[in-house]
Amino acid sequence: MVIVARFYPSSKTCSNCQHIKQDLTLSDRWFICDNCGVFLPRDWNASINLARYADGLSVKACGVVNADVATVKQEVKKSPI
């Protein structure tokens, strides 16, 4: 699991060209990029950006994450059978 900063502009960033659309409001349900013209549902655009963000993280063999984000380690609980 990756925790993204609260104000990461996943909805305002174009998933095609990474242009940030500053004037996007919460009532805008469609993302239309002023730079490249991509036209997507706002949430779909955001989900692509978040997936790419998480996919872009690299984890070294020692478990060190090479990114400036917080991560949560999942512990496996072992119980006797």
C-alpha atoms as a PDB file:
ATOM      1  CA  MET A   1       0.000   0.000   0.000  1.00  0.00           C
ATOM      2  CA  VAL A   2       1.230   3.497  -0.831  1.00  0.00           C
ATOM      3  CA  ILE A   3      -0.030   6.626   0.893  1.00  0.00           C
ATOM      4  CA  VAL A   4      -0.104   9.640  -1.396  1.00  0.00           C
ATOM      5  CA  ALA A   5       0.079  13.158   0.029  1.00  0.00           C
ATOM      6  CA  ARG A   6      -3.369  14.629   0.645  1.00  0.00           C
ATOM      7  CA  PHE A   7      -2.974  17.458  -1.861  1.00  0.00           C
ATOM      8  CA  TYR A   8      -1.262  15.460  -4.633  1.00  0.00           C
ATOM      9  CA  PRO A   9      -2.967  16.812  -7.794  1.00  0.00           C
ATOM     10  CA  SER A  10      -4.123  13.459  -9.213  1.00  0.00           C
ATOM     11  CA  SER A  11      -7.360  14.944 -10.585  1.00  0.00           C
ATOM     12  CA  LYS A  12      -5.758  18.115 -11.928  1.00  0.00           C
ATOM     13  CA  THR A  13      -2.822  16.446 -13.703  1.00  0.00           C
ATOM     14  CA  CYS A  14      -3.316  15.232 -17.266  1.00  0.00           C
ATOM     15  CA  SER A  15      -2.652  11.496 -17.412  1.00  0.00           C
ATOM     16  CA  ASN A  16      -1.492  11.906 -21.015  1.00  0.00           C
ATOM     17  CA  CYS A  17       0.950  14.866 -20.914  1.00  0.00           C
ATOM     18  CA  GLN A  18       1.243  15.689 -17.145  1.00  0.00           C
ATOM     19  CA  HIS A  19       0.012  19.267 -17.657  1.00  0.00           C
ATOM     20  CA  ILE A  20      -1.617  20.567 -14.443  1.00  0.00           C
ATOM     21  CA  LYS A  21      -5.028  22.151 -14.951  1.00  0.00           C
ATOM     22  CA  GLN A  22      -5.241  24.745 -12.155  1.00  0.00           C
ATOM     23  CA  ASP A  23      -8.844  25.816 -12.823  1.00  0.00           C
ATOM     24  CA  LEU A  24     -10.455  22.367 -12.403  1.00  0.00           C
ATOM     25  CA  THR A  25     -13.289  22.519  -9.843  1.00  0.00           C
ATOM     26  CA  LEU A  26     -15.056  19.775  -7.891  1.00  0.00           C
ATOM     27  CA  SER A  27     -18.148  20.215 -10.069  1.00  0.00           C
ATOM     28  CA  ASP A  28     -16.140  19.377 -13.218  1.00  0.00           C
ATOM     29  CA  ARG A  29     -16.845  15.681 -13.823  1.00  0.00           C
ATOM     30  CA  TRP A  30     -14.783  15.504 -17.037  1.00  0.00           C
ATOM     31  CA  PHE A  31     -11.103  16.286 -17.407  1.00  0.00           C
ATOM     32  CA  ILE A  32     -10.298  18.143 -20.632  1.00  0.00           C
ATOM     33  CA  CYS A  33      -6.613  18.982 -20.984  1.00  0.00           C
ATOM     34  CA  ASP A  34      -5.897  22.500 -22.226  1.00  0.00           C
ATOM     35  CA  ASN A  35      -2.481  21.335 -23.421  1.00  0.00           C
ATOM     36  CA  CYS A  36      -3.029  18.074 -25.357  1.00  0.00           C
ATOM     37  CA  GLY A  37      -6.834  17.875 -25.570  1.00  0.00           C
ATOM     38  CA  VAL A  38      -7.276  14.529 -23.805  1.00  0.00           C
ATOM     39  CA  PHE A  39     -10.905  14.039 -22.671  1.00  0.00           C
ATOM     40  CA  LEU A  40     -11.564  11.607 -19.792  1.00  0.00           C
ATOM     41  CA  PRO A  41     -13.885  11.235 -16.803  1.00  0.00           C
ATOM     42  CA  ARG A  42     -12.225  13.113 -13.929  1.00  0.00           C
ATOM     43  CA  ASP A  43     -11.998  10.079 -11.625  1.00  0.00           C
ATOM     44  CA  TRP A  44     -10.614   7.866 -14.396  1.00  0.00           C
ATOM     45  CA  ASN A  45      -7.911  10.448 -15.109  1.00  0.00           C
ATOM     46  CA  ALA A  46      -7.047  10.582 -11.393  1.00  0.00           C
ATOM     47  CA  SER A  47      -6.926   6.788 -11.099  1.00  0.00           C
ATOM     48  CA  ILE A  48      -4.472   6.557 -14.006  1.00  0.00           C
ATOM     49  CA  ASN A  49      -2.242   9.152 -12.322  1.00  0.00           C
ATOM     50  CA  LEU A  50      -2.367   7.364  -8.963  1.00  0.00           C
ATOM     51  CA  ALA A  51      -1.601   3.986 -10.549  1.00  0.00           C
ATOM     52  CA  ARG A  52       1.394   5.461 -12.365  1.00  0.00           C
ATOM     53  CA  TYR A  53       2.538   7.143  -9.148  1.00  0.00           C
ATOM     54  CA  ALA A  54       2.478   3.843  -7.248  1.00  0.00           C
ATOM     55  CA  ASP A  55       3.987   1.932 -10.176  1.00  0.00           C
ATOM     56  CA  GLY A  56       6.855   4.425 -10.344  1.00  0.00           C
ATOM     57  CA  LEU A  57       8.083   3.573  -6.861  1.00  0.00           C
ATOM     58  CA  SER A  58      11.157   1.387  -6.771  1.00  0.00           C
ATOM     59  CA  VAL A  59      11.910  -0.907  -3.867  1.00  0.00           C
ATOM     60  CA  LYS A  60      15.447  -2.132  -3.331  1.00  0.00           C
ATOM     61  CA  ALA A  61      16.208  -5.667  -2.184  1.00  0.00           C
ATOM     62  CA  CYS A  62      16.851  -4.392   1.344  1.00  0.00           C
ATOM     63  CA  GLY A  63      13.308  -2.968   1.480  1.00  0.00           C
ATOM     64  CA  VAL A  64      14.265   0.689   1.129  1.00  0.00           C
ATOM     65  CA  VAL A  65      11.749   2.618  -0.934  1.00  0.00           C
ATOM     66  CA  ASN A  66      13.255   5.089  -3.381  1.00  0.00           C
ATOM     67  CA  ALA A  67      10.551   7.776  -3.187  1.00  0.00           C
ATOM     68  CA  ASP A  68       9.421  10.711  -1.097  1.00  0.00           C
ATOM     69  CA  VAL A  69       6.179   9.105   0.036  1.00  0.00           C
ATOM     70  CA  ALA A  70       5.023   7.372   3.164  1.00  0.00           C
ATOM     71  CA  THR A  71       4.496   3.631   2.958  1.00  0.00           C
ATOM     72  CA  VAL A  72       2.763   1.242   5.276  1.00  0.00           C
ATOM     73  CA  LYS A  73       4.347  -2.108   6.042  1.00  0.00           C
ATOM     74  CA  GLN A  74       1.847  -4.937   6.288  1.00  0.00           C
ATOM     75  CA  GLU A  75       2.590  -7.433   9.007  1.00  0.00           C
ATOM     76  CA  VAL A  76       1.598 -11.073   8.639  1.00  0.00           C
ATOM     77  CA  LYS A  77       0.102 -12.486  11.807  1.00  0.00           C
ATOM     78  CA  LYS A  78       1.085 -16.074  12.477  1.00  0.00           C
ATOM     79  CA  SER A  79      -1.064 -18.163  14.736  1.00  0.00           C
ATOM     80  CA  PRO A  80      -0.658 -21.771  15.847  1.00  0.00           C
ATOM     81  CA  ILE A  81      -2.802 -24.266  13.964  1.00  0.00           C
END
